[in-house]
């Protein structure tokens, strides 16, 4: 559906998007994940026609979008700040796109009812948007973007302004909305949970380039480098020396398969470490953090600080000695930074 090839976007001397190539299949949800300033919103705006590319091409359903205005591209947009018309009703906001495209009154009315049902806002058509909660306003913005049946739906940090409860509810609802609408989706966010929950594939963006792209499971289990790992929330990285038999770290020799040699980083995936009286690693609890249904232990192990989640209320306390088991299958060897 969407083919972006060697796309570059500049703001004066600053390169915001640096030779990005990205393909999104029909009906696929691709989330571009990255920190503020990495170029993800500039990429989306270039696809939407809101920023002129310095070079490269953008094709939608095989059609070159060069020179087309945003309203000629067949895309739907929803932003973090909703950008709703404040003194109009929900129905008027949702109907804006179809009316601009010359739909008949009957077709507009029918489509408004369809998309409000889709986003679970049936009966809200005559409410003013100033009367809505943040979550309701965001769903109206999504309905407005979907109303003209865009070939591509683009979302720019759509959940960023919501509180945790509303955000979590929409994270549950959005996959259903995407599936029922049949939309092809390009979604940008800085939030790892949002990306991993919503995406068929995640493109991790850094300094204007895509550092890695893959399914959420592929990225989680095999990040290409320490930067990608850290941005996914995987931060337990140990310096080590790799050879044909594995990698030697402060935790000892880890039996992992790697084709790398010399200085490397050993990434401990979630679940790699667990409390076990029969384990081979000993450490001391430096701190304990309550995390709802579990505690997170901050440990000092062989001069290294590590974290281990522990379920139950009777977790070891600061100062306690603990014994750990390491599952070598959950260790990945990454290049040294």
C-alpha atoms as a PDB file:
ATOM      1  CA  UNK A   1       0.000   0.000   0.000  1.00  0.00           C
ATOM      2  CA  UNK A   2       2.702   2.488   1.028  1.00  0.00           C
ATOM      3  CA  UNK A   3       6.192   2.519  -0.480  1.00  0.00           C
ATOM      4  CA  UNK A   4       8.653   5.101   0.855  1.00  0.00           C
ATOM      5  CA  UNK A   5      12.060   4.909  -0.842  1.00  0.00           C
ATOM      6  CA  UNK A   6      15.238   6.775   0.105  1.00  0.00           C
ATOM      7  CA  UNK A   7      13.222   9.609   1.654  1.00  0.00           C
ATOM      8  CA  UNK A   8      15.105  12.622   3.003  1.00  0.00           C
ATOM      9  CA  UNK A   9      13.502  15.604   4.764  1.00  0.00           C
ATOM     10  CA  UNK A  10      15.538  18.674   5.657  1.00  0.00           C
ATOM     11  CA  UNK A  11      14.880  21.787   7.731  1.00  0.00           C
ATOM     12  CA  UNK A  12      17.590  24.137   6.538  1.00  0.00           C
ATOM     13  CA  UNK A  13      20.883  22.416   7.301  1.00  0.00           C
ATOM     14  CA  UNK A  14      19.248  19.889   9.637  1.00  0.00           C
ATOM     15  CA  UNK A  15      18.464  16.432   8.233  1.00  0.00           C
ATOM     16  CA  UNK A  16      15.314  15.200   9.983  1.00  0.00           C
ATOM     17  CA  UNK A  17      14.747  12.090   7.849  1.00  0.00           C
ATOM     18  CA  UNK A  18      17.858  10.559   6.350  1.00  0.00           C
ATOM     19  CA  UNK A  19      17.324   8.228   3.402  1.00  0.00           C
ATOM     20  CA  UNK A  20      14.479   6.200   4.918  1.00  0.00           C
ATOM     21  CA  UNK A  21      12.961   3.270   3.040  1.00  0.00           C
ATOM     22  CA  UNK A  22       9.749   1.828   4.470  1.00  0.00           C
ATOM     23  CA  UNK A  23       7.072  -0.436   2.979  1.00  0.00           C
ATOM     24  CA  UNK A  24       3.628  -0.938   4.536  1.00  0.00           C
ATOM     25  CA  UNK A  25       1.422  -3.721   3.186  1.00  0.00           C
ATOM     26  CA  UNK A  26      -2.305  -3.386   2.555  1.00  0.00           C
ATOM     27  CA  UNK A  27      -4.130  -3.725   5.892  1.00  0.00           C
ATOM     28  CA  UNK A  28      -0.897  -3.718   7.912  1.00  0.00           C
ATOM     29  CA  UNK A  29      -0.283  -1.689  11.072  1.00  0.00           C
ATOM     30  CA  UNK A  30       3.268  -0.330  11.155  1.00  0.00           C
ATOM     31  CA  UNK A  31       4.368   1.701  14.162  1.00  0.00           C
ATOM     32  CA  UNK A  32       7.398   3.976  13.913  1.00  0.00           C
ATOM     33  CA  UNK A  33       8.950   4.088  17.378  1.00  0.00           C
ATOM     34  CA  UNK A  34      11.593   6.535  18.508  1.00  0.00           C
ATOM     35  CA  UNK A  35      12.527   9.333  20.905  1.00  0.00           C
ATOM     36  CA  UNK A  36      11.605  12.973  20.421  1.00  0.00           C
ATOM     37  CA  UNK A  37      13.595  14.541  17.588  1.00  0.00           C
ATOM     38  CA  UNK A  38      14.398  11.251  15.822  1.00  0.00           C
ATOM     39  CA  UNK A  39      12.437  12.247  12.678  1.00  0.00           C
ATOM     40  CA  UNK A  40       9.370  10.024  13.037  1.00  0.00           C
ATOM     41  CA  UNK A  41       6.811  12.855  12.864  1.00  0.00           C
ATOM     42  CA  UNK A  42       8.684  14.440   9.950  1.00  0.00           C
ATOM     43  CA  UNK A  43       8.421  11.114   8.118  1.00  0.00           C
ATOM     44  CA  UNK A  44       4.668  11.011   8.709  1.00  0.00           C
ATOM     45  CA  UNK A  45       4.218  14.641   7.676  1.00  0.00           C
ATOM     46  CA  UNK A  46       6.123  14.037   4.448  1.00  0.00           C
ATOM     47  CA  UNK A  47       3.847  11.109   3.601  1.00  0.00           C
ATOM     48  CA  UNK A  48       0.823  13.313   4.381  1.00  0.00           C
ATOM     49  CA  UNK A  49       2.101  16.104   2.132  1.00  0.00           C
ATOM     50  CA  UNK A  50       2.651  18.519   5.006  1.00  0.00           C
ATOM     51  CA  UNK A  51       6.444  18.624   4.534  1.00  0.00           C
ATOM     52  CA  UNK A  52       8.222  18.618   1.153  1.00  0.00           C
ATOM     53  CA  UNK A  53      10.884  15.908   0.849  1.00  0.00           C
ATOM     54  CA  UNK A  54      14.355  16.927  -0.244  1.00  0.00           C
ATOM     55  CA  UNK A  55      14.709  13.651  -2.124  1.00  0.00           C
ATOM     56  CA  UNK A  56      13.210  10.204  -2.446  1.00  0.00           C
ATOM     57  CA  UNK A  57       9.786   8.954  -3.452  1.00  0.00           C
ATOM     58  CA  UNK A  58       6.444   8.184  -1.796  1.00  0.00           C
ATOM     59  CA  UNK A  59       3.981   5.859  -3.530  1.00  0.00           C
ATOM     60  CA  UNK A  60       0.517   5.036  -2.227  1.00  0.00           C
ATOM     61  CA  UNK A  61      -1.211   2.069  -3.861  1.00  0.00           C
ATOM     62  CA  UNK A  62       1.313   2.420  -6.675  1.00  0.00           C
ATOM     63  CA  UNK A  63       0.591   6.106  -7.296  1.00  0.00           C
ATOM     64  CA  UNK A  64       3.406   8.649  -6.950  1.00  0.00           C
ATOM     65  CA  UNK A  65       2.345  11.344  -4.464  1.00  0.00           C
ATOM     66  CA  UNK A  66       4.892  13.929  -5.630  1.00  0.00           C
ATOM     67  CA  UNK A  67       3.241  17.320  -6.043  1.00  0.00           C
ATOM     68  CA  UNK A  68      -0.106  16.268  -4.559  1.00  0.00           C
ATOM     69  CA  UNK A  69      -1.698  18.391  -1.848  1.00  0.00           C
ATOM     70  CA  UNK A  70      -2.627  16.690   1.450  1.00  0.00           C
ATOM     71  CA  UNK A  71      -6.320  16.617   0.484  1.00  0.00           C
ATOM     72  CA  UNK A  72      -5.456  14.834  -2.782  1.00  0.00           C
ATOM     73  CA  UNK A  73      -3.543  11.959  -1.188  1.00  0.00           C
ATOM     74  CA  UNK A  74      -6.348   9.845   0.226  1.00  0.00           C
ATOM     75  CA  UNK A  75      -4.876   9.725   3.732  1.00  0.00           C
ATOM     76  CA  UNK A  76      -6.489  10.244   7.135  1.00  0.00           C
ATOM     77  CA  UNK A  77      -4.675  12.036   9.965  1.00  0.00           C
ATOM     78  CA  UNK A  78      -5.142  12.057  13.739  1.00  0.00           C
ATOM     79  CA  UNK A  79      -2.853  13.989  16.067  1.00  0.00           C
ATOM     80  CA  UNK A  80      -2.075  14.084  19.779  1.00  0.00           C
ATOM     81  CA  UNK A  81      -3.954  17.377  20.285  1.00  0.00           C
ATOM     82  CA  UNK A  82      -7.083  16.074  18.487  1.00  0.00           C
ATOM     83  CA  UNK A  83      -7.358  19.278  16.353  1.00  0.00           C
ATOM     84  CA  UNK A  84     -11.169  19.137  16.487  1.00  0.00           C
ATOM     85  CA  UNK A  85     -13.405  22.077  15.611  1.00  0.00           C
ATOM     86  CA  UNK A  86     -14.280  23.227  19.144  1.00  0.00           C
ATOM     87  CA  UNK A  87     -17.664  24.857  18.503  1.00  0.00           C
ATOM     88  CA  UNK A  88     -19.122  22.125  16.310  1.00  0.00           C
ATOM     89  CA  UNK A  89     -20.854  18.910  17.235  1.00  0.00           C
ATOM     90  CA  UNK A  90     -19.238  15.495  17.138  1.00  0.00           C
ATOM     91  CA  UNK A  91     -21.214  14.684  13.984  1.00  0.00           C
ATOM     92  CA  UNK A  92     -20.070  17.872  12.247  1.00  0.00           C
ATOM     93  CA  UNK A  93     -16.457  17.089  13.076  1.00  0.00           C
ATOM     94  CA  UNK A  94     -16.672  13.526  11.801  1.00  0.00           C
ATOM     95  CA  UNK A  95     -18.572  14.597   8.680  1.00  0.00           C
ATOM     96  CA  UNK A  96     -15.959  17.170   7.656  1.00  0.00           C
ATOM     97  CA  UNK A  97     -13.891  14.883   5.420  1.00  0.00           C
ATOM     98  CA  UNK A  98     -16.733  13.245   3.491  1.00  0.00           C
ATOM     99  CA  UNK A  99     -18.409  16.628   2.944  1.00  0.00           C
ATOM    100  CA  UNK A 100     -15.164  18.099   1.587  1.00  0.00           C
ATOM    101  CA  UNK A 101     -15.038  15.199  -0.861  1.00  0.00           C
ATOM    102  CA  UNK A 102     -18.562  15.950  -2.113  1.00  0.00           C
ATOM    103  CA  UNK A 103     -20.434  13.019  -0.597  1.00  0.00           C
ATOM    104  CA  UNK A 104     -24.220  13.195  -0.573  1.00  0.00           C
ATOM    105  CA  UNK A 105     -26.008  14.165   2.640  1.00  0.00           C
ATOM    106  CA  UNK A 106     -27.421  10.656   3.042  1.00  0.00           C
ATOM    107  CA  UNK A 107     -24.031   9.020   2.551  1.00  0.00           C
ATOM    108  CA  UNK A 108     -22.379  11.418   5.014  1.00  0.00           C
ATOM    109  CA  UNK A 109     -25.040  10.732   7.637  1.00  0.00           C
ATOM    110  CA  UNK A 110     -24.664   6.981   7.201  1.00  0.00           C
ATOM    111  CA  UNK A 111     -20.872   7.107   7.385  1.00  0.00           C
ATOM    112  CA  UNK A 112     -20.911   9.269  10.525  1.00  0.00           C
ATOM    113  CA  UNK A 113     -23.138   6.707  12.230  1.00  0.00           C
ATOM    114  CA  UNK A 114     -20.840   3.869  11.081  1.00  0.00           C
ATOM    115  CA  UNK A 115     -17.599   5.322  12.381  1.00  0.00           C
ATOM    116  CA  UNK A 116     -19.103   6.539  15.664  1.00  0.00           C
ATOM    117  CA  UNK A 117     -20.282   2.979  16.241  1.00  0.00           C
ATOM    118  CA  UNK A 118     -16.835   1.721  15.309  1.00  0.00           C
ATOM    119  CA  UNK A 119     -15.157   3.876  17.983  1.00  0.00           C
ATOM    120  CA  UNK A 120     -17.882   3.129  20.565  1.00  0.00           C
ATOM    121  CA  UNK A 121     -19.449   6.601  20.509  1.00  0.00           C
ATOM    122  CA  UNK A 122     -22.971   5.795  19.323  1.00  0.00           C
ATOM    123  CA  UNK A 123     -25.340   8.531  20.493  1.00  0.00           C
ATOM    124  CA  UNK A 124     -22.633  11.171  20.774  1.00  0.00           C
ATOM    125  CA  UNK A 125     -23.366  12.785  17.395  1.00  0.00           C
ATOM    126  CA  UNK A 126     -25.040  15.948  18.747  1.00  0.00           C
ATOM    127  CA  UNK A 127     -22.611  16.585  21.590  1.00  0.00           C
ATOM    128  CA  UNK A 128     -20.190  19.472  21.339  1.00  0.00           C
ATOM    129  CA  UNK A 129     -16.560  18.455  21.468  1.00  0.00           C
ATOM    130  CA  UNK A 130     -16.003  20.852  24.405  1.00  0.00           C
ATOM    131  CA  UNK A 131     -18.208  18.499  26.472  1.00  0.00           C
ATOM    132  CA  UNK A 132     -16.048  15.436  25.839  1.00  0.00           C
ATOM    133  CA  UNK A 133     -13.432  13.778  28.002  1.00  0.00           C
ATOM    134  CA  UNK A 134      -9.913  13.412  26.647  1.00  0.00           C
ATOM    135  CA  UNK A 135     -10.501   9.803  25.672  1.00  0.00           C
ATOM    136  CA  UNK A 136     -13.779  10.629  23.934  1.00  0.00           C
ATOM    137  CA  UNK A 137     -12.176  13.517  22.043  1.00  0.00           C
ATOM    138  CA  UNK A 138      -9.379  11.244  20.857  1.00  0.00           C
ATOM    139  CA  UNK A 139     -11.902   8.706  19.578  1.00  0.00           C
ATOM    140  CA  UNK A 140     -13.773  11.474  17.740  1.00  0.00           C
ATOM    141  CA  UNK A 141     -10.470  12.477  16.115  1.00  0.00           C
ATOM    142  CA  UNK A 142      -9.951   8.860  15.079  1.00  0.00           C
ATOM    143  CA  UNK A 143     -13.510   8.658  13.708  1.00  0.00           C
ATOM    144  CA  UNK A 144     -12.978  11.874  11.727  1.00  0.00           C
ATOM    145  CA  UNK A 145      -9.783  10.457  10.220  1.00  0.00           C
ATOM    146  CA  UNK A 146     -11.562   7.206   9.265  1.00  0.00           C
ATOM    147  CA  UNK A 147     -14.761   8.798   7.965  1.00  0.00           C
ATOM    148  CA  UNK A 148     -13.698   9.473   4.321  1.00  0.00           C
ATOM    149  CA  UNK A 149     -12.378   5.881   4.023  1.00  0.00           C
ATOM    150  CA  UNK A 150      -8.719   6.853   3.579  1.00  0.00           C
ATOM    151  CA  UNK A 151      -6.358   4.490   1.821  1.00  0.00           C
ATOM    152  CA  UNK A 152      -3.898   5.127   4.637  1.00  0.00           C
ATOM    153  CA  UNK A 153      -4.619   6.114   8.240  1.00  0.00           C
ATOM    154  CA  UNK A 154      -1.782   8.019   9.931  1.00  0.00           C
ATOM    155  CA  UNK A 155      -1.632   8.629  13.671  1.00  0.00           C
ATOM    156  CA  UNK A 156       0.888  10.999  15.276  1.00  0.00           C
ATOM    157  CA  UNK A 157       1.276  10.300  19.024  1.00  0.00           C
ATOM    158  CA  UNK A 158      -2.525   9.911  19.329  1.00  0.00           C
ATOM    159  CA  UNK A 159      -2.435   8.697  22.943  1.00  0.00           C
ATOM    160  CA  UNK A 160       0.326  10.963  24.227  1.00  0.00           C
ATOM    161  CA  UNK A 161      -1.931  13.484  25.997  1.00  0.00           C
ATOM    162  CA  UNK A 162      -4.149  10.926  27.755  1.00  0.00           C
ATOM    163  CA  UNK A 163      -3.857   9.764  31.341  1.00  0.00           C
ATOM    164  CA  UNK A 164      -2.778   6.200  31.983  1.00  0.00           C
ATOM    165  CA  UNK A 165      -6.261   4.735  32.400  1.00  0.00           C
ATOM    166  CA  UNK A 166      -7.652   6.237  29.183  1.00  0.00           C
ATOM    167  CA  UNK A 167      -4.518   5.316  27.285  1.00  0.00           C
ATOM    168  CA  UNK A 168      -4.698   1.701  28.417  1.00  0.00           C
ATOM    169  CA  UNK A 169      -8.361   1.480  27.431  1.00  0.00           C
ATOM    170  CA  UNK A 170      -7.671   2.819  23.950  1.00  0.00           C
ATOM    171  CA  UNK A 171      -4.732   0.417  23.562  1.00  0.00           C
ATOM    172  CA  UNK A 172      -7.260  -2.392  23.993  1.00  0.00           C
ATOM    173  CA  UNK A 173      -9.791  -0.815  21.609  1.00  0.00           C
ATOM    174  CA  UNK A 174      -7.537   0.338  18.763  1.00  0.00           C
ATOM    175  CA  UNK A 175      -6.635  -3.115  17.345  1.00  0.00           C
ATOM    176  CA  UNK A 176     -10.356  -3.843  16.998  1.00  0.00           C
ATOM    177  CA  UNK A 177     -10.970  -0.479  15.319  1.00  0.00           C
ATOM    178  CA  UNK A 178      -8.087  -1.043  12.897  1.00  0.00           C
ATOM    179  CA  UNK A 179      -9.265  -4.556  12.052  1.00  0.00           C
ATOM    180  CA  UNK A 180     -12.932  -3.668  11.599  1.00  0.00           C
ATOM    181  CA  UNK A 181     -12.137  -0.608   9.490  1.00  0.00           C
ATOM    182  CA  UNK A 182      -9.747  -2.551   7.254  1.00  0.00           C
ATOM    183  CA  UNK A 183      -7.357   0.384   7.510  1.00  0.00           C
ATOM    184  CA  UNK A 184      -3.710   0.390   6.553  1.00  0.00           C
ATOM    185  CA  UNK A 185      -2.056   2.238   9.440  1.00  0.00           C
ATOM    186  CA  UNK A 186       1.167   4.213   9.877  1.00  0.00           C
ATOM    187  CA  UNK A 187       1.414   5.197  13.539  1.00  0.00           C
ATOM    188  CA  UNK A 188       4.245   7.107  15.234  1.00  0.00           C
ATOM    189  CA  UNK A 189       4.956   7.094  18.962  1.00  0.00           C
ATOM    190  CA  UNK A 190       7.722   7.335  21.553  1.00  0.00           C
ATOM    191  CA  UNK A 191       5.978   4.794  23.805  1.00  0.00           C
ATOM    192  CA  UNK A 192       7.327   1.229  23.708  1.00  0.00           C
ATOM    193  CA  UNK A 193       4.196  -0.397  25.164  1.00  0.00           C
ATOM    194  CA  UNK A 194       2.007   1.358  22.609  1.00  0.00           C
ATOM    195  CA  UNK A 195       4.191   0.206  19.728  1.00  0.00           C
ATOM    196  CA  UNK A 196       4.501  -3.395  20.869  1.00  0.00           C
ATOM    197  CA  UNK A 197       0.754  -3.656  21.585  1.00  0.00           C
ATOM    198  CA  UNK A 198      -0.584  -2.176  18.344  1.00  0.00           C
ATOM    199  CA  UNK A 199       1.908  -3.045  15.626  1.00  0.00           C
ATOM    200  CA  UNK A 200       2.126  -5.852  13.120  1.00  0.00           C
ATOM    201  CA  UNK A 201       5.654  -4.512  12.623  1.00  0.00           C
ATOM    202  CA  UNK A 202       7.670  -1.894  14.517  1.00  0.00           C
ATOM    203  CA  UNK A 203      10.251   0.361  12.874  1.00  0.00           C
ATOM    204  CA  UNK A 204      12.669   1.720  15.491  1.00  0.00           C
ATOM    205  CA  UNK A 205      13.911   5.116  14.329  1.00  0.00           C
ATOM    206  CA  UNK A 206      17.054   6.860  15.533  1.00  0.00           C
ATOM    207  CA  UNK A 207      18.712  10.061  14.279  1.00  0.00           C
ATOM    208  CA  UNK A 208      16.594  10.185  11.142  1.00  0.00           C
ATOM    209  CA  UNK A 209      17.151   6.561  10.128  1.00  0.00           C
ATOM    210  CA  UNK A 210      15.411   3.249  10.734  1.00  0.00           C
ATOM    211  CA  UNK A 211      17.701   1.265  13.014  1.00  0.00           C
ATOM    212  CA  UNK A 212      15.633  -1.941  12.917  1.00  0.00           C
ATOM    213  CA  UNK A 213      12.243  -3.132  11.703  1.00  0.00           C
ATOM    214  CA  UNK A 214      10.426  -6.332  12.531  1.00  0.00           C
ATOM    215  CA  UNK A 215       7.515  -7.855  14.401  1.00  0.00           C
ATOM    216  CA  UNK A 216       7.258  -6.950  18.086  1.00  0.00           C
ATOM    217  CA  UNK A 217       8.473 -10.434  19.023  1.00  0.00           C
ATOM    218  CA  UNK A 218      11.439 -10.231  16.658  1.00  0.00           C
ATOM    219  CA  UNK A 219      12.566  -6.903  18.092  1.00  0.00           C
ATOM    220  CA  UNK A 220      12.002  -7.977  21.687  1.00  0.00           C
ATOM    221  CA  UNK A 221      13.899 -11.232  21.276  1.00  0.00           C
ATOM    222  CA  UNK A 222      16.669 -10.064  18.954  1.00  0.00           C
ATOM    223  CA  UNK A 223      17.416  -6.321  18.968  1.00  0.00           C
ATOM    224  CA  UNK A 224      20.239  -5.472  16.574  1.00  0.00           C
ATOM    225  CA  UNK A 225      22.178  -3.235  18.947  1.00  0.00           C
ATOM    226  CA  UNK A 226      22.242  -1.730  22.420  1.00  0.00           C
ATOM    227  CA  UNK A 227      20.465   1.452  21.330  1.00  0.00           C
ATOM    228  CA  UNK A 228      17.459  -0.475  20.033  1.00  0.00           C
ATOM    229  CA  UNK A 229      17.463  -2.685  23.127  1.00  0.00           C
ATOM    230  CA  UNK A 230      17.460   0.278  25.503  1.00  0.00           C
ATOM    231  CA  UNK A 231      14.664   2.030  23.668  1.00  0.00           C
ATOM    232  CA  UNK A 232      12.560  -1.118  23.924  1.00  0.00           C
ATOM    233  CA  UNK A 233      13.148  -1.052  27.680  1.00  0.00           C
ATOM    234  CA  UNK A 234      15.778  -3.809  27.660  1.00  0.00           C
ATOM    235  CA  UNK A 235      18.588  -2.256  29.667  1.00  0.00           C
ATOM    236  CA  UNK A 236      20.409  -5.144  31.365  1.00  0.00           C
ATOM    237  CA  UNK A 237      23.599  -5.036  29.306  1.00  0.00           C
ATOM    238  CA  UNK A 238      26.886  -6.473  30.513  1.00  0.00           C
ATOM    239  CA  UNK A 239      30.292  -5.817  28.922  1.00  0.00           C
ATOM    240  CA  UNK A 240      31.951  -9.044  27.880  1.00  0.00           C
ATOM    241  CA  UNK A 241      34.460 -10.892  25.741  1.00  0.00           C
ATOM    242  CA  UNK A 242      33.091 -13.220  23.070  1.00  0.00           C
ATOM    243  CA  UNK A 243      34.688 -16.265  21.485  1.00  0.00           C
ATOM    244  CA  UNK A 244      33.500 -19.449  19.811  1.00  0.00           C
ATOM    245  CA  UNK A 245      32.262 -20.910  23.111  1.00  0.00           C
ATOM    246  CA  UNK A 246      30.181 -17.953  24.292  1.00  0.00           C
ATOM    247  CA  UNK A 247      30.796 -14.710  26.156  1.00  0.00           C
ATOM    248  CA  UNK A 248      32.608 -14.037  29.436  1.00  0.00           C
ATOM    249  CA  UNK A 249      31.052 -11.367  31.686  1.00  0.00           C
ATOM    250  CA  UNK A 250      31.007 -10.375  35.338  1.00  0.00           C
ATOM    251  CA  UNK A 251      28.482 -13.190  35.812  1.00  0.00           C
ATOM    252  CA  UNK A 252      30.923 -15.741  34.449  1.00  0.00           C
ATOM    253  CA  UNK A 253      31.105 -17.551  31.136  1.00  0.00           C
ATOM    254  CA  UNK A 254      27.718 -17.553  29.413  1.00  0.00           C
ATOM    255  CA  UNK A 255      27.102 -20.408  27.005  1.00  0.00           C
ATOM    256  CA  UNK A 256      25.516 -18.576  24.090  1.00  0.00           C
ATOM    257  CA  UNK A 257      25.910 -18.993  20.352  1.00  0.00           C
ATOM    258  CA  UNK A 258      27.547 -16.022  18.647  1.00  0.00           C
ATOM    259  CA  UNK A 259      29.636 -15.344  15.582  1.00  0.00           C
ATOM    260  CA  UNK A 260      31.142 -12.253  17.228  1.00  0.00           C
ATOM    261  CA  UNK A 261      34.589 -12.084  18.788  1.00  0.00           C
ATOM    262  CA  UNK A 262      36.248  -9.656  21.158  1.00  0.00           C
ATOM    263  CA  UNK A 263      34.467  -6.846  23.021  1.00  0.00           C
ATOM    264  CA  UNK A 264      30.689  -7.239  23.040  1.00  0.00           C
ATOM    265  CA  UNK A 265      27.631  -6.575  25.191  1.00  0.00           C
ATOM    266  CA  UNK A 266      25.574  -9.406  26.685  1.00  0.00           C
ATOM    267  CA  UNK A 267      21.876  -8.514  26.844  1.00  0.00           C
ATOM    268  CA  UNK A 268      19.838 -10.267  29.542  1.00  0.00           C
ATOM    269  CA  UNK A 269      16.269 -10.564  28.287  1.00  0.00           C
ATOM    270  CA  UNK A 270      13.350 -10.468  30.755  1.00  0.00           C
ATOM    271  CA  UNK A 271      13.236 -13.763  32.629  1.00  0.00           C
ATOM    272  CA  UNK A 272      16.940 -14.477  32.174  1.00  0.00           C
ATOM    273  CA  UNK A 273      17.544 -14.063  35.914  1.00  0.00           C
ATOM    274  CA  UNK A 274      15.427 -15.601  38.647  1.00  0.00           C
ATOM    275  CA  UNK A 275      15.800 -16.204  42.368  1.00  0.00           C
ATOM    276  CA  UNK A 276      16.789 -19.834  42.931  1.00  0.00           C
ATOM    277  CA  UNK A 277      18.481 -21.305  46.039  1.00  0.00           C
ATOM    278  CA  UNK A 278      20.286 -23.784  43.777  1.00  0.00           C
ATOM    279  CA  UNK A 279      21.554 -21.091  41.410  1.00  0.00           C
ATOM    280  CA  UNK A 280      25.203 -20.414  40.695  1.00  0.00           C
ATOM    281  CA  UNK A 281      25.185 -16.600  41.073  1.00  0.00           C
ATOM    282  CA  UNK A 282      25.111 -14.750  44.406  1.00  0.00           C
ATOM    283  CA  UNK A 283      24.334 -11.114  45.064  1.00  0.00           C
ATOM    284  CA  UNK A 284      22.981  -8.614  47.568  1.00  0.00           C
ATOM    285  CA  UNK A 285      19.726  -6.639  47.473  1.00  0.00           C
ATOM    286  CA  UNK A 286      20.544  -2.928  47.236  1.00  0.00           C
ATOM    287  CA  UNK A 287      16.929  -1.726  46.984  1.00  0.00           C
ATOM    288  CA  UNK A 288      13.408  -3.023  46.573  1.00  0.00           C
ATOM    289  CA  UNK A 289      10.670  -1.333  44.544  1.00  0.00           C
ATOM    290  CA  UNK A 290       6.955  -2.129  44.803  1.00  0.00           C
ATOM    291  CA  UNK A 291       5.354  -2.569  41.368  1.00  0.00           C
ATOM    292  CA  UNK A 292       1.732  -3.560  42.012  1.00  0.00           C
ATOM    293  CA  UNK A 293       1.575  -7.339  41.725  1.00  0.00           C
ATOM    294  CA  UNK A 294       5.321  -7.821  42.215  1.00  0.00           C
ATOM    295  CA  UNK A 295       8.511  -6.269  43.554  1.00  0.00           C
ATOM    296  CA  UNK A 296      11.581  -5.312  41.561  1.00  0.00           C
ATOM    297  CA  UNK A 297      14.835  -6.107  43.315  1.00  0.00           C
ATOM    298  CA  UNK A 298      17.869  -3.970  42.550  1.00  0.00           C
ATOM    299  CA  UNK A 299      20.856  -6.228  43.075  1.00  0.00           C
ATOM    300  CA  UNK A 300      24.619  -5.867  43.304  1.00  0.00           C
ATOM    301  CA  UNK A 301      26.189  -8.877  41.646  1.00  0.00           C
ATOM    302  CA  UNK A 302      29.949  -9.121  41.035  1.00  0.00           C
ATOM    303  CA  UNK A 303      30.287  -5.354  40.812  1.00  0.00           C
ATOM    304  CA  UNK A 304      27.307  -5.075  38.481  1.00  0.00           C
ATOM    305  CA  UNK A 305      23.828  -3.704  39.176  1.00  0.00           C
ATOM    306  CA  UNK A 306      20.942  -5.889  37.987  1.00  0.00           C
ATOM    307  CA  UNK A 307      17.154  -5.955  38.342  1.00  0.00           C
ATOM    308  CA  UNK A 308      15.026  -9.018  39.043  1.00  0.00           C
ATOM    309  CA  UNK A 309      11.202  -9.035  39.359  1.00  0.00           C
ATOM    310  CA  UNK A 310       9.855 -11.134  42.239  1.00  0.00           C
ATOM    311  CA  UNK A 311       6.194 -12.009  42.724  1.00  0.00           C
ATOM    312  CA  UNK A 312       4.601 -12.130  46.153  1.00  0.00           C
ATOM    313  CA  UNK A 313       4.711  -9.859  49.161  1.00  0.00           C
ATOM    314  CA  UNK A 314       7.550 -11.676  50.931  1.00  0.00           C
ATOM    315  CA  UNK A 315      10.371 -10.473  48.680  1.00  0.00           C
ATOM    316  CA  UNK A 316      13.948 -10.153  49.982  1.00  0.00           C
ATOM    317  CA  UNK A 317      14.766  -6.816  51.570  1.00  0.00           C
ATOM    318  CA  UNK A 318      17.728  -4.446  51.159  1.00  0.00           C
ATOM    319  CA  UNK A 319      20.840  -6.032  52.599  1.00  0.00           C
ATOM    320  CA  UNK A 320      19.660  -9.618  52.090  1.00  0.00           C
ATOM    321  CA  UNK A 321      21.905 -12.067  50.266  1.00  0.00           C
ATOM    322  CA  UNK A 322      20.249 -13.885  47.337  1.00  0.00           C
ATOM    323  CA  UNK A 323      21.116 -16.668  44.937  1.00  0.00           C
ATOM    324  CA  UNK A 324      20.195 -16.423  41.251  1.00  0.00           C
ATOM    325  CA  UNK A 325      19.774 -18.769  38.345  1.00  0.00           C
ATOM    326  CA  UNK A 326      20.665 -17.536  34.855  1.00  0.00           C
ATOM    327  CA  UNK A 327      18.872 -18.972  31.828  1.00  0.00           C
ATOM    328  CA  UNK A 328      21.541 -18.795  29.133  1.00  0.00           C
ATOM    329  CA  UNK A 329      18.868 -19.186  26.434  1.00  0.00           C
ATOM    330  CA  UNK A 330      17.678 -15.666  27.262  1.00  0.00           C
ATOM    331  CA  UNK A 331      21.029 -13.980  26.621  1.00  0.00           C
ATOM    332  CA  UNK A 332      21.760 -12.137  23.374  1.00  0.00           C
ATOM    333  CA  UNK A 333      25.190 -10.964  22.231  1.00  0.00           C
ATOM    334  CA  UNK A 334      25.233  -7.438  20.781  1.00  0.00           C
ATOM    335  CA  UNK A 335      28.032  -5.369  19.264  1.00  0.00           C
ATOM    336  CA  UNK A 336      29.950  -3.106  21.617  1.00  0.00           C
ATOM    337  CA  UNK A 337      28.804   0.516  21.397  1.00  0.00           C
END
